[in-house]
Amino acid sequence: MGATVWDRLYLNVSYHERNEAKRLVNARFDGDNKLWYTDPEQVIPPSRQGWLRPGR
């Protein structure tokens, strides 16, 4: 599962998937950590469970 820190669920989203992540799970970019995140309560679609895996 993705890492949850400070009420943020960090996601493993590639640059090419960024718009899809924004649309599907309201993902936002953390510029300091250079990672995408969403609310921990957000439901990640089954087809995008790979976003929850650590690493790129």
N, C-alpha and C. Protein backbone atom coordinates (compact mmCIF):
# COMPACT_ATOMS: atom_id res chain seq x y z
N MET A 1 0.85 -1.18 0.00
CA MET A 1 0.00 0.00 0.00
C MET A 1 0.89 1.23 0.00
N GLY A 2 0.40 2.32 -0.55
CA GLY A 2 1.15 3.57 -0.57
C GLY A 2 1.40 4.09 0.83
N ALA A 3 2.42 4.91 0.97
CA ALA A 3 2.77 5.45 2.28
C ALA A 3 1.84 6.60 2.64
N THR A 4 1.31 6.58 3.86
CA THR A 4 0.47 7.67 4.35
C THR A 4 1.27 8.48 5.35
N VAL A 5 1.44 9.76 5.04
CA VAL A 5 2.20 10.67 5.90
C VAL A 5 1.43 11.98 5.97
N TRP A 6 1.21 12.49 7.18
CA TRP A 6 0.53 13.77 7.39
C TRP A 6 -0.78 13.83 6.60
N ASP A 7 -1.58 12.79 6.72
CA ASP A 7 -2.89 12.72 6.04
C ASP A 7 -2.78 12.82 4.53
N ARG A 8 -1.69 12.31 3.99
CA ARG A 8 -1.50 12.23 2.54
C ARG A 8 -1.14 10.79 2.18
N LEU A 9 -1.81 10.26 1.18
CA LEU A 9 -1.49 8.94 0.65
C LEU A 9 -0.62 9.17 -0.58
N TYR A 10 0.68 8.89 -0.44
CA TYR A 10 1.61 9.11 -1.54
C TYR A 10 1.47 8.00 -2.57
N LEU A 11 1.55 8.40 -3.84
CA LEU A 11 1.32 7.50 -4.96
C LEU A 11 2.55 7.41 -5.85
N ASN A 12 2.69 6.29 -6.52
CA ASN A 12 3.76 6.06 -7.48
C ASN A 12 3.19 6.34 -8.87
N VAL A 13 3.11 7.62 -9.22
CA VAL A 13 2.50 8.04 -10.49
C VAL A 13 3.61 8.57 -11.39
N SER A 14 3.68 8.07 -12.61
CA SER A 14 4.67 8.55 -13.57
C SER A 14 4.22 9.89 -14.15
N TYR A 15 5.16 10.57 -14.78
CA TYR A 15 4.86 11.86 -15.41
C TYR A 15 3.73 11.71 -16.43
N HIS A 16 3.76 10.62 -17.19
CA HIS A 16 2.76 10.41 -18.23
C HIS A 16 1.37 10.08 -17.69
N GLU A 17 1.30 9.64 -16.43
CA GLU A 17 0.01 9.29 -15.82
C GLU A 17 -0.56 10.42 -14.96
N ARG A 18 0.14 11.53 -14.88
CA ARG A 18 -0.25 12.59 -13.94
C ARG A 18 -1.66 13.12 -14.18
N ASN A 19 -2.04 13.34 -15.42
CA ASN A 19 -3.38 13.87 -15.68
C ASN A 19 -4.46 12.86 -15.32
N GLU A 20 -4.20 11.60 -15.56
CA GLU A 20 -5.14 10.55 -15.19
C GLU A 20 -5.29 10.48 -13.67
N ALA A 21 -4.17 10.59 -12.96
CA ALA A 21 -4.22 10.57 -11.50
C ALA A 21 -5.00 11.77 -10.96
N LYS A 22 -4.81 12.91 -11.57
CA LYS A 22 -5.56 14.10 -11.13
C LYS A 22 -7.05 13.89 -11.37
N ARG A 23 -7.39 13.32 -12.50
CA ARG A 23 -8.80 13.11 -12.85
C ARG A 23 -9.45 12.01 -12.01
N LEU A 24 -8.75 10.87 -11.85
CA LEU A 24 -9.36 9.71 -11.18
C LEU A 24 -9.38 9.82 -9.66
N VAL A 25 -8.32 10.34 -9.06
CA VAL A 25 -8.24 10.32 -7.60
C VAL A 25 -7.92 11.69 -7.01
N ASN A 26 -8.12 12.75 -7.83
CA ASN A 26 -7.86 14.10 -7.36
C ASN A 26 -6.44 14.24 -6.80
N ALA A 27 -5.48 13.62 -7.48
CA ALA A 27 -4.09 13.66 -7.02
C ALA A 27 -3.53 15.07 -7.14
N ARG A 28 -2.64 15.39 -6.21
CA ARG A 28 -1.95 16.67 -6.19
C ARG A 28 -0.45 16.39 -6.07
N PHE A 29 0.36 17.35 -6.51
CA PHE A 29 1.81 17.15 -6.53
C PHE A 29 2.44 17.85 -5.33
N ASP A 30 3.28 17.13 -4.63
CA ASP A 30 4.07 17.66 -3.51
C ASP A 30 5.43 18.03 -4.10
N GLY A 31 5.62 19.32 -4.38
CA GLY A 31 6.84 19.79 -5.02
C GLY A 31 8.08 19.60 -4.18
N ASP A 32 7.95 19.69 -2.86
CA ASP A 32 9.11 19.51 -1.99
C ASP A 32 9.66 18.08 -2.07
N ASN A 33 8.76 17.11 -2.08
CA ASN A 33 9.16 15.69 -2.12
C ASN A 33 9.13 15.11 -3.53
N LYS A 34 8.59 15.88 -4.48
CA LYS A 34 8.47 15.45 -5.88
C LYS A 34 7.70 14.13 -5.99
N LEU A 35 6.55 14.10 -5.30
CA LEU A 35 5.69 12.92 -5.29
C LEU A 35 4.24 13.36 -5.43
N TRP A 36 3.43 12.49 -6.03
CA TRP A 36 1.99 12.70 -6.12
C TRP A 36 1.33 12.11 -4.89
N TYR A 37 0.23 12.73 -4.45
CA TYR A 37 -0.49 12.24 -3.28
C TYR A 37 -1.97 12.52 -3.45
N THR A 38 -2.77 11.84 -2.62
CA THR A 38 -4.21 12.06 -2.55
C THR A 38 -4.64 11.87 -1.11
N ASP A 39 -5.91 12.06 -0.84
CA ASP A 39 -6.44 11.84 0.50
C ASP A 39 -6.40 10.34 0.82
N PRO A 40 -6.06 9.97 2.05
CA PRO A 40 -6.00 8.54 2.41
C PRO A 40 -7.33 7.80 2.23
N GLU A 41 -8.45 8.52 2.29
CA GLU A 41 -9.76 7.89 2.14
C GLU A 41 -10.12 7.63 0.68
N GLN A 42 -9.33 8.18 -0.23
CA GLN A 42 -9.62 8.07 -1.67
C GLN A 42 -9.54 6.60 -2.12
N VAL A 43 -10.51 6.18 -2.92
CA VAL A 43 -10.52 4.82 -3.46
C VAL A 43 -9.71 4.81 -4.76
N ILE A 44 -8.68 3.98 -4.79
CA ILE A 44 -7.84 3.84 -5.98
C ILE A 44 -8.48 2.77 -6.87
N PRO A 45 -8.74 3.09 -8.14
CA PRO A 45 -9.36 2.10 -9.03
C PRO A 45 -8.51 0.83 -9.13
N PRO A 46 -9.16 -0.33 -9.26
CA PRO A 46 -8.41 -1.59 -9.36
C PRO A 46 -7.37 -1.58 -10.48
N SER A 47 -7.66 -0.90 -11.57
CA SER A 47 -6.71 -0.85 -12.69
C SER A 47 -5.48 0.00 -12.38
N ARG A 48 -5.52 0.75 -11.29
CA ARG A 48 -4.41 1.62 -10.93
C ARG A 48 -3.81 1.28 -9.56
N GLN A 49 -3.96 0.05 -9.11
CA GLN A 49 -3.39 -0.37 -7.83
C GLN A 49 -1.87 -0.27 -7.84
N GLY A 50 -1.26 -0.26 -9.02
CA GLY A 50 0.19 -0.09 -9.12
C GLY A 50 0.67 1.24 -8.58
N TRP A 51 -0.20 2.23 -8.53
CA TRP A 51 0.15 3.51 -7.94
C TRP A 51 0.45 3.40 -6.46
N LEU A 52 0.04 2.32 -5.83
CA LEU A 52 0.26 2.14 -4.40
C LEU A 52 1.58 1.45 -4.09
N ARG A 53 2.27 0.96 -5.09
CA ARG A 53 3.55 0.29 -4.88
C ARG A 53 4.66 1.32 -4.69
N PRO A 54 5.60 1.04 -3.76
CA PRO A 54 6.71 1.97 -3.58
C PRO A 54 7.68 1.92 -4.76
N GLY A 55 8.40 2.99 -4.95
CA GLY A 55 9.41 3.05 -6.02
C GLY A 55 8.82 3.43 -7.35
N ARG A 56 9.68 3.64 -8.31
CA ARG A 56 9.21 4.02 -9.65
C ARG A 56 9.62 3.01 -10.66
